[in-house]
Protein backbone atom coordinates (compact mmCIF):
# COMPACT_ATOMS: atom_id res chain seq x y z
CA MET A 1 -8.24 -11.50 9.82
CA ARG A 2 -10.02 -8.30 10.53
CA CYS A 3 -10.87 -5.76 7.84
CA PHE A 4 -8.96 -2.63 7.85
CA ALA A 5 -11.48 -0.03 7.16
CA PRO A 6 -15.02 -1.07 6.13
CA ALA A 7 -16.70 1.42 4.05
CA GLY A 8 -19.87 1.10 5.98
CA ALA A 9 -18.00 2.18 9.17
CA VAL A 10 -17.81 5.85 8.16
CA ASN A 11 -21.12 7.68 8.57
CA SER A 12 -21.48 10.01 5.54
CA ALA A 13 -25.05 11.27 5.89
CA ALA A 14 -23.85 14.68 7.64
CA ALA A 15 -21.51 15.17 4.53
CA ALA A 16 -24.15 15.18 2.06
CA ALA A 17 -24.96 18.75 2.41
CA ALA A 18 -23.03 21.50 0.56
CA ALA A 19 -19.63 20.50 2.04
CA THR A 20 -17.27 18.03 0.35
CA LEU A 21 -15.43 15.43 2.19
CA PHE A 22 -11.54 15.40 2.04
CA PHE A 23 -8.94 13.19 3.33
CA SER A 24 -6.24 15.65 4.80
CA PRO A 25 -2.82 14.07 4.43
CA ARG A 26 -1.45 16.64 6.94
CA ASN A 27 -3.78 15.53 9.77
CA ASN A 28 -4.53 11.95 8.45
CA LYS A 29 -8.12 12.19 8.96
CA PHE A 30 -11.33 13.00 7.08
CA ILE A 31 -12.38 16.59 7.06
CA SER A 32 -15.31 18.50 5.65
CA ARG A 33 -14.70 21.63 3.70
CA LYS A 34 -16.53 23.79 1.21
CA LYS A 35 -16.03 22.73 -2.51
CA ARG A 36 -13.06 24.91 -3.94
CA ASN A 37 -10.12 24.49 -6.23
CA CYS A 38 -11.30 21.45 -8.37
CA GLY A 39 -7.86 19.89 -8.19
CA PHE A 40 -9.00 18.27 -4.89
CA SER A 41 -12.85 18.13 -5.09
CA ALA A 42 -13.89 15.76 -7.53
CA LYS A 43 -17.63 14.86 -6.89
CA LEU A 44 -18.17 11.48 -5.50
CA SER A 45 -20.75 8.91 -6.00
CA ASN A 46 -21.65 6.02 -3.66
CA ASN A 47 -23.02 8.51 -1.02
CA ASN A 48 -19.89 10.71 -0.88
CA ASP A 49 -17.77 7.73 0.49
CA PRO A 50 -14.72 9.18 2.27
CA LEU A 51 -12.75 6.10 1.37
CA LEU A 52 -13.41 6.80 -2.28
CA GLN A 53 -12.55 10.41 -1.81
CA SER A 54 -9.26 9.71 -0.27
CA ALA A 55 -8.37 7.43 -3.21
CA ILE A 56 -9.33 10.28 -5.63
CA ASN A 57 -7.15 12.65 -3.74
CA GLY A 58 -4.14 10.36 -4.14
CA ALA A 59 -5.00 10.00 -7.92
CA SER A 60 -5.05 13.81 -8.11
CA LEU A 61 -1.57 14.03 -6.58
CA ARG A 62 -0.24 11.63 -9.17
CA PHE A 63 -2.12 13.38 -12.00
CA GLN A 64 -0.57 16.80 -11.00
CA GLU A 65 2.99 15.21 -10.79
CA THR A 66 2.55 13.69 -14.31
CA GLN A 67 1.60 17.17 -15.76
CA LYS A 68 5.04 18.73 -14.51
CA PRO A 69 7.74 19.38 -17.15
CA ASP A 70 10.02 16.87 -15.36
CA PRO A 71 7.74 14.57 -13.40
CA LEU A 72 9.24 12.13 -10.91
CA PHE A 73 6.99 9.44 -12.56
CA VAL A 74 4.29 9.31 -15.38
CA ASP A 75 0.78 7.93 -14.44
CA PRO A 76 -1.26 8.11 -17.65
CA TYR A 77 -4.22 6.70 -15.94
CA ALA A 78 -4.65 8.96 -12.85
CA GLY A 79 -6.58 11.61 -14.86
CA CYS A 80 -9.42 9.24 -15.39
CA PHE A 81 -10.32 9.29 -11.71
CA VAL A 82 -10.35 13.07 -11.55
CA THR A 83 -13.65 14.44 -12.97
CA GLU A 84 -15.09 17.87 -13.77
CA CYS A 85 -11.61 19.62 -13.73
CA ASN A 86 -10.17 21.12 -16.96
CA ASP A 87 -6.72 22.48 -15.25
CA VAL A 88 -6.42 20.32 -12.22
CA GLN A 89 -2.62 20.42 -12.24
CA ARG A 90 -2.59 24.31 -11.70
CA ASP A 91 -5.09 24.18 -8.88
CA ILE A 92 -2.87 23.05 -5.96
CA ILE A 93 -4.22 23.76 -2.51
CA ASP A 94 -1.50 24.92 -0.13
CA GLU A 95 -2.50 22.71 2.49
CA TYR A 96 -1.49 19.65 0.21
CA SER A 97 1.65 21.12 -1.34
CA SER A 98 4.03 19.57 1.29
CA SER A 99 2.20 16.35 1.60
CA ALA A 100 2.06 16.05 -2.24
CA SER A 101 5.75 16.20 -2.43
CA HIS A 102 6.34 13.53 0.32
CA TYR A 103 3.58 11.41 -1.33
CA CYS A 104 5.11 11.60 -4.89
CA LEU A 105 8.52 10.99 -3.50
CA ALA A 106 7.23 7.87 -1.77
CA THR A 107 5.31 6.75 -4.85
CA LYS A 108 8.54 6.89 -6.98
CA PHE A 109 10.62 5.26 -4.39
CA ILE A 110 8.03 2.28 -4.00
CA ASP A 111 7.85 1.85 -7.80
CA ASP A 112 11.79 1.74 -8.14
CA LYS A 113 11.96 -0.62 -5.24
CA LEU A 114 9.37 -2.99 -6.66
CA LEU A 115 10.81 -3.17 -10.17
CA ASP A 116 14.55 -3.31 -9.00
CA THR A 117 13.95 -6.11 -6.57
CA MET A 118 12.12 -8.10 -9.19
CA THR A 119 14.75 -7.50 -11.78
CA LYS A 120 17.49 -8.93 -9.59
CA ARG A 121 15.39 -12.12 -8.50
CA ASP A 122 14.15 -14.14 -11.31
CA GLU A 123 12.11 -16.27 -9.04
CA LEU A 124 10.32 -13.34 -7.58
CA ARG A 125 6.89 -13.10 -9.39
CA GLN A 126 4.23 -12.45 -6.62
CA VAL A 127 3.41 -8.95 -5.65
CA VAL A 128 0.89 -8.13 -3.10
CA LEU A 129 -0.26 -4.36 -3.11
CA PHE A 130 -1.93 -2.72 -0.10
CA THR A 131 -3.81 0.13 -1.76
CA ASP A 132 -6.53 2.75 -1.63
CA GLY A 133 -8.30 0.87 -4.71
CA MET A 134 -7.20 3.20 -7.13
CA ASP A 135 -3.39 2.17 -7.41
CA THR A 136 -2.48 2.14 -11.26
CA ARG A 137 0.95 0.45 -10.60
CA PRO A 138 -0.44 -2.83 -12.19
CA TYR A 139 -1.00 -0.87 -15.36
CA ARG A 140 1.72 1.57 -15.64
CA LEU A 141 4.76 -0.26 -14.46
CA LYS A 142 6.77 -2.58 -16.62
CA TRP A 143 6.33 -5.89 -14.86
CA PRO A 144 8.33 -9.01 -15.72
CA ASN A 145 6.57 -11.75 -17.54
CA SER A 146 4.46 -14.08 -15.37
CA THR A 147 4.08 -11.57 -12.59
CA VAL A 148 0.92 -11.95 -10.45
CA MET A 149 -0.28 -8.78 -8.70
CA PHE A 150 -2.69 -9.16 -5.79
CA ASP A 151 -4.43 -5.79 -4.97
CA VAL A 152 -5.65 -5.58 -1.52
CA SER A 153 -8.09 -2.89 -0.98
CA THR A 154 -11.63 -1.66 -0.23
CA GLU A 155 -13.95 -3.57 -2.78
CA GLN A 156 -16.37 -0.74 -3.71
CA VAL A 157 -13.51 1.68 -4.45
CA TYR A 158 -11.59 -0.94 -6.55
CA ILE A 159 -14.85 -1.77 -8.58
CA THR A 160 -15.37 1.87 -9.20
CA ALA A 161 -11.77 2.31 -10.35
CA ALA A 162 -11.63 -0.82 -12.35
CA GLN A 163 -14.53 0.40 -14.48
CA LYS A 164 -13.03 3.73 -15.20
CA LEU A 165 -9.58 2.02 -16.10
CA LYS A 166 -11.49 -0.24 -18.40
CA ASP A 167 -13.23 2.66 -20.17
CA VAL A 168 -9.87 4.42 -20.94
CA GLY A 169 -8.49 1.08 -22.17
CA ALA A 170 -6.05 0.30 -19.43
CA LYS A 171 -4.61 -3.03 -19.30
CA VAL A 172 -2.10 -4.99 -17.32
CA PRO A 173 1.08 -6.13 -19.28
CA ARG A 174 0.84 -9.19 -21.42
CA ARG A 175 1.46 -12.45 -19.59
CA CYS A 176 0.90 -10.78 -16.21
CA LEU A 177 -2.25 -11.31 -14.05
CA LEU A 178 -4.00 -8.86 -11.57
CA VAL A 179 -6.32 -10.25 -9.00
CA HIS A 180 -8.20 -8.19 -6.41
CA VAL A 181 -8.60 -9.16 -2.86
CA PRO A 182 -11.26 -7.40 -0.73
CA SER A 183 -9.68 -5.75 2.50
CA ASP A 184 -13.04 -5.85 4.15
CA CYS A 185 -13.35 -9.76 3.63
CA SER A 186 -13.49 -11.91 6.76
CA ASP A 187 -10.06 -13.63 6.12
CA ILE A 188 -7.58 -11.95 3.68
CA SER A 189 -5.07 -14.63 4.14
CA GLU A 190 -7.55 -17.34 3.07
CA SER A 191 -8.66 -15.23 0.08
CA LEU A 192 -5.07 -14.63 -1.12
CA TYR A 193 -4.56 -18.37 -1.03
CA ARG A 194 -7.76 -19.10 -2.72
CA LYS A 195 -6.72 -16.59 -5.55
CA GLY A 196 -3.48 -18.19 -6.15
CA PHE A 197 -0.95 -16.81 -3.73
CA ASP A 198 1.78 -19.39 -2.88
CA GLY A 199 3.32 -19.18 0.52
CA ASN A 200 6.23 -21.25 -0.66
CA ARG A 201 7.43 -18.87 -3.23
CA PRO A 202 9.01 -15.44 -2.66
CA SER A 203 6.88 -12.33 -2.72
CA ILE A 204 7.34 -8.57 -2.54
CA TRP A 205 4.73 -6.49 -0.65
CA ALA A 206 3.97 -2.86 -0.85
CA LEU A 207 1.82 -0.60 1.44
CA GLN A 208 0.59 2.80 0.26
CA GLY A 209 -2.93 4.15 0.43
CA ILE A 210 -4.85 1.39 2.19
CA PRO A 211 -6.85 3.27 4.99
CA MET A 212 -5.69 2.44 8.54
CA MET A 213 -7.87 3.88 11.32
CA THR A 214 -6.04 2.24 14.27
CA LEU A 215 -2.88 0.78 15.43
CA GLU A 216 -4.51 -2.60 15.41
CA ASN A 217 -5.12 -2.20 11.57
CA LEU A 218 -1.39 -2.01 11.13
CA LYS A 219 -0.80 -4.95 13.40
CA ASP A 220 -3.26 -6.96 11.44
CA ILE A 221 -1.30 -6.28 8.31
CA MET A 222 1.93 -7.18 9.80
CA VAL A 223 0.72 -10.42 11.22
CA LEU A 224 -0.66 -11.12 7.52
CA VAL A 225 2.57 -10.35 5.77
CA SER A 226 4.77 -12.11 8.44
CA SER A 227 2.81 -15.35 8.14
CA LEU A 228 2.66 -15.39 4.14
CA ALA A 229 5.96 -13.85 3.13
CA THR A 230 8.73 -16.39 2.68
CA LYS A 231 12.22 -15.70 4.11
CA GLU A 232 14.04 -12.95 2.48
CA SER A 233 10.76 -11.39 1.11
CA ILE A 234 10.67 -7.54 0.89
CA PHE A 235 8.00 -5.21 2.34
CA VAL A 236 8.03 -1.67 1.26
CA GLY A 237 5.77 1.20 1.75
CA GLU A 238 4.67 4.15 3.99
CA LEU A 239 2.47 4.16 7.04
CA PRO A 240 1.09 7.02 9.04
CA ALA A 241 3.24 8.56 11.58
CA TRP A 242 0.51 8.99 13.97
CA LEU A 243 0.47 5.41 14.55
CA VAL A 244 3.77 5.72 16.22
CA GLU A 245 2.72 8.81 18.15
CA THR A 246 -0.46 7.15 19.46
CA GLU A 247 1.65 4.27 20.95
CA SER A 248 3.97 6.83 22.53
CA VAL A 249 1.17 8.79 24.16
CA VAL A 250 -0.11 5.66 25.66
CA LYS A 251 3.29 5.07 27.05
CA GLY A 252 3.59 8.53 28.31
CA LEU A 253 6.57 9.43 26.00
CA GLU A 254 6.75 13.12 25.07
CA HIS A 255 9.20 12.62 22.28
CA PRO A 256 8.46 9.43 20.24
CA ASP A 257 11.53 7.67 18.97
CA THR A 258 10.33 6.61 15.40
CA VAL A 259 13.25 4.67 14.36
CA ASN A 260 13.39 2.72 17.62
CA TRP A 261 9.73 2.00 17.69
CA MET A 262 9.82 0.75 14.03
CA ASP A 263 12.67 -1.55 14.63
CA LYS A 264 11.02 -3.14 17.74
CA PHE A 265 7.65 -3.45 15.89
CA PHE A 266 8.98 -5.01 12.82
CA ARG A 267 11.41 -7.25 14.51
CA SER A 268 8.62 -8.54 16.90
CA ASN A 269 6.96 -9.60 13.47
CA GLY A 270 10.17 -11.17 12.04
CA PHE A 271 11.30 -8.29 9.91
CA ARG A 272 14.63 -6.22 9.71
CA VAL A 273 13.39 -2.65 8.73
CA ASN A 274 15.15 0.50 7.59
CA VAL A 275 13.39 3.72 7.86
CA ILE A 276 13.99 5.85 4.79
CA GLU A 277 14.31 9.56 4.85
CA TYR A 278 12.34 11.53 2.41
CA ASN A 279 15.28 13.87 1.89
CA GLU A 280 17.46 11.00 1.08
CA VAL A 281 14.96 9.89 -1.64
CA ALA A 282 15.01 13.40 -3.08
CA GLU A 283 18.77 13.78 -3.01
CA ASN A 284 18.94 10.41 -4.78
CA LEU A 285 16.74 11.44 -7.42
CA SER A 286 18.50 15.02 -7.75
CA ARG A 287 15.35 16.82 -6.40
CA ASP A 288 15.07 19.58 -3.80
CA PRO A 289 14.12 18.23 -0.25
CA PRO A 290 10.45 18.43 0.36
CA SER A 291 9.34 21.28 2.71
CA GLY A 292 7.69 20.67 5.93
CA ASP A 293 7.62 17.39 8.02
CA SER A 294 6.16 14.26 6.50
CA LYS A 295 3.06 12.68 8.17
CA ASN A 296 4.20 9.32 6.97
CA ILE A 297 7.09 7.00 7.68
CA LEU A 298 8.75 5.47 4.44
CA PHE A 299 10.49 2.07 5.11
CA VAL A 300 11.94 -0.96 3.57
CA ALA A 301 11.86 -4.37 5.56
CA GLU A 302 13.02 -7.90 4.88
CA GLN A 303 11.55 -10.96 6.18
CA LEU A 304 13.81 -12.99 8.45
CA ARG A 305 11.50 -15.92 9.28
CA LEU A 306 10.19 -18.81 7.46
CA SER A 307 6.37 -18.29 6.15
CA ASP A 308 3.78 -20.55 7.57
CA SER A 309 3.65 -22.53 4.30
CA GLN A 310 7.46 -23.09 4.37
CA MET A 311 7.25 -24.12 8.01
CA GLU A 312 4.61 -26.75 7.16
CA SER A 313 6.66 -27.92 4.12
CA TRP A 314 9.73 -28.29 6.58
CA ARG A 315 7.60 -30.22 9.12
CA ALA A 316 6.22 -32.59 6.40
CA GLN A 317 9.78 -33.22 5.07
CA PHE A 318 11.13 -33.77 8.52
CA GLN A 319 8.33 -36.04 9.35
CA ARG A 320 8.90 -38.06 6.17
CA VAL A 321 12.61 -38.35 6.94
CA GLU A 322 11.87 -39.61 10.47
CA GLU A 323 9.38 -42.32 9.07
CA GLU A 324 11.85 -43.34 6.47
CA GLY A 325 14.34 -43.82 9.29
CA ASP A 326 11.97 -45.89 11.38
CA GLU A 327 11.16 -48.20 8.54
CA ASP A 328 14.87 -48.67 7.80
CA GLY A 329 15.44 -49.50 11.45
CA PHE A 330 12.58 -51.94 11.47
CA GLU A 331 13.95 -53.78 8.48
CA ASP A 332 17.32 -54.16 10.23
């Protein structure tokens, strides 16, 4: 399986001047702007890696939400990723205000969906998170005992984040395990299996933050989840709306039908999907609806097929029954 966004694929030499790289959630692309309002301009190491900056921007949004009088969620570790800012929560750039609301609503929705689903299903203890490398869910959520979490993200960003989390004493809950799977490895499926993922056991998958540069990246993720997730497993998350728009442009459609596209795309990979409106999430949380249009699509999907491991187990059992039948017939 191909990697999603190798760090080396982005040339950052031109960004090493006075400008700082930002990931614009409004435009879903990396932009270069002069450093201002430290809430979104933490300095970078690792040669101004834009993937690292994107992850820091997400952490900044979570940190700002946490500082509110009545936050949607509390992320006690997001602040360790935001450096050189004494009053980050008050420095909100207008360009990010709408995207921040959508991002935080999505974060809360995904948090709740993960925990609610696992609470209702005692056998569900495998979680796969497609992240930007700075996802703090393994540390801040109250996971059930024996939960195994697989963080699929860019290795260099994850290593940087893991060290910062260690420095502030962050730990996963007792009797739980966190495993990292590099998103830029040659075969993510093989790596998941090698690190303990069981394709015969139910799992829940979440997608938020992992860089996707092309529609092919999303297709790779869907193939991976479709092949590894057992029947009735859940896939929740948000993906860039421009992926739908890109396909629509190719097909010459002026007005993309997001819901129809999502339904066809997920069904072709064995999932039944529901597109979730951000306004609906806000209403359920007794919050004002976010302003502006979201540049992401929030969804929940259920696996309708057997995983590859389940199919192999079924074939092996069927073959064993056939062989036993042949032996009985021979004795007769």
